Amino acid sequence: MNGQLDLALPQAATLGEGLLWQGGRWWWTDIEASTLFAWRPGSDAPQLCRLPDRLGCFAHTKSGRMLLGLAKRLALASLGDQLELTLLQTLVPVDAAEPRTRINDGRTDRRGYFVFGTLNEAKEKRPIASFYQYSLAHGLRRLALPAVAIANSICFSVDGRTMYFCDTLSRRIQQCDYDAETAQVENVRLFTEMDVAEAWPDGSVIDAEGCLWNAQWGAGRVARYDPDGRLMGVLTAPAAHSTCPAFGGEGLNQLMLTTARAELDRDALTAQPLSGSLFGLRLPKALGVPDTLFED
C-alpha cells in the first residue's frame, strides 16, 4: 500500500501527538501547547481543553473519565460537554527526582492497563528515560526494558502478548514478550530499522492483520510493516514531521495522522505550510483495532 494522505483538518500544532479514535471523535494532544483536542468529522473546528501542564499521552477510561500523562504525573480528569476541565485528580508522580525527563508516548495495553514512556529533554539526550505500566490494581511499575533517550512507538499485538517500543534516536523499533498482570517483559529483540536516513520512528499502532504502522519524524510518512518487520508500503504527507497514526471512523476504515511544526525553520514552514495539521485516508477495508479503555 503506497500513496498520499489527504488534508483532513488544517491545524498549526507545535507538537501534535497521541492520536486516538473514541466516541465518534478524533482525540489528540498538542504537547507544547498543553492542550487536548477532540474533533468530530464534518465539524469545522475541534473542541479543546487547556491543561495545567504539557500532555504527552492519554487514554479514555471505562467510567468516561480520561487518564492524562502530564509532564511529571498521571492524573484522572473529568471533562464537561464543551471539553472544559471540571476535575483533575493526581494519581502518581513520575520521575519526581529527575528534572530532565517528562512523560511522552503511551497507550493502554489489551488488558486496560496504561503503558507509557518518558524522554530526556536535556540537550545531551542521554538514555535516562524509562518505560512504565500503571494500573489502579498494581500502581506504577517500571518495565525492565533498556533506558532510552526518547520513548516512542508503544503499541501491542492484537493478542496483547507482544509489546512494541523504541528509542527514537536509535532509529530502530524493538519488540518483546509482555505480560500485563505481572508487568514482565522478556526476549527483547529487533523488529525493524529505518530504511531512509531522514526517518526517525515516532508513534505506532497495530492493525487488525497484526501489522505495525509507524509515523516517521523527518520523513513525512507512515510506513506499514508486516508481523515479521518487513516494509510493506509507505503513505506520505506534505509535512516532514509526522508523529502519530491511528485508525478510526465509524467503520474503523480510516487512517489519520498527526504532524508537528516543532524544529522546522522559517524556510521549511514556508515550504510545508500545513505542518501541524491532521491528514487522513479512507482504507479499502477495516483495519482498526479499538483501543482498550483504561480499567478505572
Protein backbone atom coordinates (compact mmCIF):
# COMPACT_ATOMS: atom_id res chain seq x y z
CA MET A 1 0.00 0.00 0.00
CA ASN A 2 1.58 3.24 -1.18
CA GLY A 3 0.13 6.69 -1.76
CA GLN A 4 -0.53 10.08 -0.24
CA LEU A 5 -2.54 11.18 2.78
CA ASP A 6 -5.05 13.97 2.24
CA LEU A 7 -5.53 17.04 4.41
CA ALA A 8 -8.28 16.25 6.92
CA LEU A 9 -8.16 19.25 9.27
CA PRO A 10 -5.90 22.31 8.96
CA GLN A 11 -4.12 22.94 12.26
CA ALA A 12 -0.90 24.53 13.44
CA ALA A 13 0.12 22.16 16.22
CA THR A 14 3.61 22.72 17.54
CA LEU A 15 3.79 19.05 18.53
CA GLY A 16 0.63 17.13 17.61
CA GLU A 17 0.69 13.64 19.15
CA GLY A 18 -1.23 10.82 20.83
CA LEU A 19 -4.00 10.42 18.25
CA LEU A 20 -6.95 8.16 19.20
CA TRP A 21 -10.48 7.48 17.95
CA GLN A 22 -13.14 7.30 20.64
CA GLY A 23 -16.85 8.09 20.83
CA GLY A 24 -17.15 9.26 17.24
CA ARG A 25 -14.31 11.78 17.59
CA TRP A 26 -10.59 12.02 16.95
CA TRP A 27 -8.60 12.98 20.06
CA TRP A 28 -5.03 14.26 20.16
CA THR A 29 -2.67 16.48 22.12
CA ASP A 30 -0.50 19.42 21.17
CA ILE A 31 2.14 18.67 23.79
CA GLU A 32 3.89 22.03 23.79
CA ALA A 33 0.58 23.91 23.95
CA SER A 34 -0.63 21.86 26.96
CA THR A 35 -3.89 21.28 25.08
CA LEU A 36 -6.16 18.31 24.43
CA PHE A 37 -8.25 18.37 21.22
CA ALA A 38 -11.36 16.47 20.12
CA TRP A 39 -12.77 16.71 16.60
CA ARG A 40 -15.91 15.17 15.14
CA PRO A 41 -15.51 14.66 11.37
CA GLY A 42 -17.71 17.08 9.50
CA SER A 43 -17.43 19.87 12.05
CA ASP A 44 -15.46 22.98 11.18
CA ALA A 45 -13.13 23.03 14.17
CA PRO A 46 -12.13 20.85 17.12
CA GLN A 47 -13.07 21.40 20.73
CA LEU A 48 -10.14 21.95 23.03
CA CYS A 49 -9.21 21.70 26.68
CA ARG A 50 -6.41 23.80 28.15
CA LEU A 51 -4.43 21.85 30.74
CA PRO A 52 -2.12 22.96 33.58
CA ASP A 53 0.87 21.15 32.07
CA ARG A 54 2.08 19.51 28.89
CA LEU A 55 0.11 16.39 27.93
CA GLY A 56 2.33 13.68 26.47
CA CYS A 57 -0.25 10.90 26.17
CA PHE A 58 -3.69 9.91 27.41
CA ALA A 59 -6.34 7.20 27.47
CA HIS A 60 -10.11 7.05 27.78
CA THR A 61 -11.42 5.15 30.79
CA LYS A 62 -14.31 2.75 31.40
CA SER A 63 -16.00 5.32 33.66
CA GLY A 64 -15.93 8.02 30.97
CA ARG A 65 -13.10 10.00 32.52
CA MET A 66 -9.67 10.45 30.95
CA LEU A 67 -6.28 9.31 32.14
CA LEU A 68 -3.74 12.04 31.39
CA GLY A 69 0.01 11.62 31.15
CA LEU A 70 1.02 15.13 32.14
CA ALA A 71 4.70 16.08 32.16
CA LYS A 72 5.58 14.65 35.59
CA ARG A 73 2.42 12.88 36.76
CA LEU A 74 -0.52 10.72 35.83
CA ALA A 75 -3.93 12.21 36.57
CA LEU A 76 -7.61 11.40 36.14
CA ALA A 77 -9.65 14.15 34.50
CA SER A 78 -13.38 14.78 34.19
CA LEU A 79 -14.42 16.85 31.19
CA GLY A 80 -17.65 18.75 30.53
CA ASP A 81 -19.76 18.77 27.37
CA GLN A 82 -17.64 21.56 25.90
CA LEU A 83 -14.43 19.72 26.85
CA GLU A 84 -13.89 22.01 29.83
CA LEU A 85 -11.85 20.54 32.67
CA THR A 86 -14.16 20.05 35.65
CA LEU A 87 -11.97 17.88 37.89
CA LEU A 88 -8.30 16.85 37.90
CA GLN A 89 -7.06 14.24 40.37
CA THR A 90 -3.35 13.39 40.55
CA LEU A 91 -2.78 9.64 40.73
CA VAL A 92 1.00 9.26 40.91
CA PRO A 93 4.14 11.34 40.28
CA VAL A 94 6.55 10.11 37.60
CA ASP A 95 10.33 10.57 37.80
CA ALA A 96 9.86 13.20 40.50
CA ALA A 97 13.57 13.23 41.36
CA GLU A 98 14.72 13.55 37.73
CA PRO A 99 14.12 17.08 36.37
CA ARG A 100 15.35 16.24 32.87
CA THR A 101 12.52 13.87 31.92
CA ARG A 102 8.85 14.21 31.06
CA ILE A 103 6.13 11.74 30.03
CA ASN A 104 5.99 11.15 26.30
CA ASP A 105 4.34 8.31 24.34
CA GLY A 106 1.80 5.89 25.85
CA ARG A 107 -1.38 3.85 25.39
CA THR A 108 -3.40 1.14 27.10
CA ASP A 109 -2.42 -2.49 26.71
CA ARG A 110 -5.08 -5.05 25.77
CA ARG A 111 -5.84 -5.64 29.47
CA GLY A 112 -6.68 -1.96 30.04
CA TYR A 113 -3.51 -1.00 31.91
CA PHE A 114 -1.64 2.13 30.81
CA VAL A 115 1.88 1.71 29.41
CA PHE A 116 3.96 4.79 28.74
CA GLY A 117 7.50 6.09 28.44
CA THR A 118 9.47 9.22 29.24
CA LEU A 119 12.01 11.27 27.34
CA ASN A 120 15.12 13.23 28.21
CA GLU A 121 14.53 16.92 27.49
CA ALA A 122 18.17 17.94 28.08
CA LYS A 123 20.27 18.85 25.05
CA GLU A 124 22.70 15.98 25.63
CA LYS A 125 19.87 13.40 25.21
CA ARG A 126 21.48 10.71 27.35
CA PRO A 127 19.45 7.47 27.72
CA ILE A 128 17.95 8.16 31.15
CA ALA A 129 14.27 7.70 30.27
CA SER A 130 12.16 4.63 31.07
CA PHE A 131 9.03 2.64 30.25
CA TYR A 132 6.29 2.16 32.86
CA GLN A 133 2.98 0.41 33.39
CA TYR A 134 0.24 1.94 35.56
CA SER A 135 -2.96 0.36 36.84
CA LEU A 136 -5.21 1.01 39.80
CA ALA A 137 -4.72 -2.64 40.78
CA HIS A 138 -0.91 -2.60 40.84
CA GLY A 139 0.16 1.04 40.86
CA LEU A 140 3.19 2.32 38.94
CA ARG A 141 5.64 -0.36 37.82
CA ARG A 142 8.80 0.25 35.81
CA LEU A 143 9.22 -2.18 32.92
CA ALA A 144 12.58 -3.95 32.78
CA LEU A 145 13.50 -2.50 29.40
CA PRO A 146 16.73 -0.71 28.46
CA ALA A 147 16.92 3.00 29.28
CA VAL A 148 16.22 5.30 26.33
CA ALA A 149 16.54 8.94 25.35
CA ILE A 150 13.09 9.25 23.72
CA ALA A 151 10.49 6.55 24.41
CA ASN A 152 8.12 6.06 21.48
CA SER A 153 6.20 3.59 19.28
CA ILE A 154 4.40 1.91 22.20
CA CYS A 155 1.74 -0.49 20.94
CA PHE A 156 0.61 -4.08 21.41
CA SER A 157 -0.13 -7.11 19.26
CA VAL A 158 -3.78 -7.98 18.85
CA ASP A 159 -3.47 -10.77 21.45
CA GLY A 160 -1.65 -8.42 23.84
CA ARG A 161 1.35 -10.69 24.33
CA THR A 162 3.87 -8.65 22.34
CA MET A 163 4.86 -5.06 23.11
CA TYR A 164 6.48 -2.82 20.51
CA PHE A 165 8.58 0.20 21.52
CA CYS A 166 11.59 2.25 20.51
CA ASP A 167 14.17 4.81 21.42
CA THR A 168 13.61 7.28 18.59
CA LEU A 169 17.31 8.18 18.46
CA SER A 170 18.26 4.55 17.78
CA ARG A 171 16.19 4.55 14.56
CA ARG A 172 15.10 1.00 15.41
CA ILE A 173 11.75 -0.39 16.60
CA GLN A 174 12.00 -3.27 19.06
CA GLN A 175 9.58 -5.84 20.40
CA CYS A 176 9.37 -8.03 23.49
CA ASP A 177 7.17 -10.60 25.16
CA TYR A 178 4.78 -8.83 27.54
CA ASP A 179 2.59 -9.95 30.44
CA ALA A 180 0.11 -7.34 31.61
CA GLU A 181 -0.69 -8.78 35.04
CA THR A 182 2.90 -9.21 36.18
CA ALA A 183 4.37 -6.31 34.13
CA GLN A 184 7.08 -8.74 32.99
CA VAL A 185 8.94 -8.15 29.73
CA GLU A 186 11.25 -10.72 28.18
CA ASN A 187 13.03 -11.60 24.95
CA VAL A 188 13.75 -8.06 23.75
CA ARG A 189 14.54 -8.24 20.04
CA LEU A 190 14.75 -6.13 16.90
CA PHE A 191 11.52 -5.64 14.96
CA THR A 192 12.68 -3.30 12.19
CA GLU A 193 15.10 -0.50 11.32
CA MET A 194 14.50 2.72 9.41
CA ASP A 195 15.33 2.34 5.72
CA VAL A 196 15.92 6.02 4.87
CA ALA A 197 18.34 8.40 6.56
CA GLU A 198 15.79 11.14 7.31
CA ALA A 199 13.33 8.83 9.13
CA TRP A 200 13.11 8.70 12.93
CA PRO A 201 10.46 6.37 14.44
CA ASP A 202 7.68 8.15 16.33
CA GLY A 203 4.20 6.85 17.23
CA SER A 204 2.99 3.41 16.14
CA VAL A 205 -0.26 1.43 16.02
CA ILE A 206 -1.10 -2.21 15.28
CA ASP A 207 -3.81 -3.09 12.74
CA ALA A 208 -6.27 -6.00 12.66
CA GLU A 209 -3.87 -8.03 10.50
CA GLY A 210 -1.08 -7.72 13.04
CA CYS A 211 0.89 -5.20 11.00
CA LEU A 212 2.58 -2.18 12.56
CA TRP A 213 2.11 1.34 11.19
CA ASN A 214 4.81 3.82 12.22
CA ALA A 215 4.87 7.61 11.81
CA GLN A 216 8.39 8.67 10.87
CA TRP A 217 9.58 12.07 12.04
CA GLY A 218 11.61 13.90 9.43
CA ALA A 219 10.44 11.74 6.53
CA GLY A 220 6.82 12.93 6.31
CA ARG A 221 5.46 9.43 6.07
CA VAL A 222 3.70 6.48 7.68
CA ALA A 223 5.24 3.08 7.00
CA ARG A 224 3.45 -0.27 7.31
CA TYR A 225 5.43 -3.34 8.41
CA ASP A 226 4.25 -6.94 8.37
CA PRO A 227 4.42 -9.02 11.61
CA ASP A 228 7.99 -10.05 10.72
CA GLY A 229 9.14 -6.43 10.42
CA ARG A 230 9.27 -6.28 6.62
CA LEU A 231 8.31 -2.97 4.99
CA MET A 232 5.02 -3.36 3.11
CA GLY A 233 4.28 0.19 1.96
CA VAL A 234 4.52 3.89 2.66
CA LEU A 235 1.98 6.70 2.79
CA THR A 236 3.30 10.26 2.60
CA ALA A 237 2.05 13.62 3.88
CA PRO A 238 3.14 17.18 2.98
CA ALA A 239 4.59 17.69 6.46
CA ALA A 240 8.05 16.37 7.33
CA HIS A 241 7.35 15.74 11.00
CA SER A 242 4.70 13.02 11.07
CA THR A 243 4.09 11.95 14.66
CA CYS A 244 1.25 9.51 15.38
CA PRO A 245 -1.03 7.31 13.24
CA ALA A 246 -4.42 5.97 14.34
CA PHE A 247 -7.34 4.03 12.89
CA GLY A 248 -10.90 5.19 13.31
CA GLY A 249 -14.08 6.29 11.66
CA GLU A 250 -17.38 4.53 12.23
CA GLY A 251 -16.20 1.56 10.17
CA LEU A 252 -12.63 1.62 11.55
CA ASN A 253 -11.51 2.00 7.94
CA GLN A 254 -9.85 5.40 8.15
CA LEU A 255 -6.20 6.14 8.86
CA MET A 256 -5.40 9.50 10.41
CA LEU A 257 -2.05 11.14 11.18
CA THR A 258 -0.93 14.00 13.43
CA THR A 259 2.03 16.19 12.47
CA ALA A 260 4.20 18.88 14.07
CA ARG A 261 5.74 22.27 13.36
CA ALA A 262 8.46 21.93 16.00
CA GLU A 263 12.08 22.07 14.79
CA LEU A 264 11.09 23.46 11.39
CA ASP A 265 12.75 26.76 10.45
CA ARG A 266 11.06 29.57 8.55
CA ASP A 267 12.06 28.19 5.13
CA ALA A 268 10.76 24.72 5.99
CA LEU A 269 7.45 26.11 7.24
CA THR A 270 7.09 28.17 4.07
CA ALA A 271 7.62 25.02 2.02
CA GLN A 272 5.35 22.93 4.28
CA PRO A 273 2.66 25.35 5.49
CA LEU A 274 0.28 22.54 6.50
CA SER A 275 2.68 21.18 9.11
CA GLY A 276 0.83 20.65 12.38
CA SER A 277 -2.38 19.55 10.60
CA LEU A 278 -4.25 16.24 10.54
CA PHE A 279 -4.00 14.12 7.41
CA GLY A 280 -6.03 11.05 6.54
CA LEU A 281 -7.05 8.37 4.09
CA ARG A 282 -10.01 6.01 3.74
CA LEU A 283 -8.72 2.44 3.55
CA PRO A 284 -10.17 -0.23 1.25
CA LYS A 285 -11.07 -2.36 4.29
CA ALA A 286 -11.48 -2.04 8.05
CA LEU A 287 -8.07 -2.39 9.72
CA GLY A 288 -8.65 -0.64 13.03
CA VAL A 289 -8.48 -2.38 16.40
CA PRO A 290 -10.30 -0.35 19.09
CA ASP A 291 -8.10 0.85 21.94
CA THR A 292 -8.91 -0.82 25.25
CA LEU A 293 -10.43 1.56 27.80
CA PHE A 294 -8.35 2.13 30.93
CA GLU A 295 -9.56 0.00 33.82
CA ASP A 296 -10.61 2.59 36.41
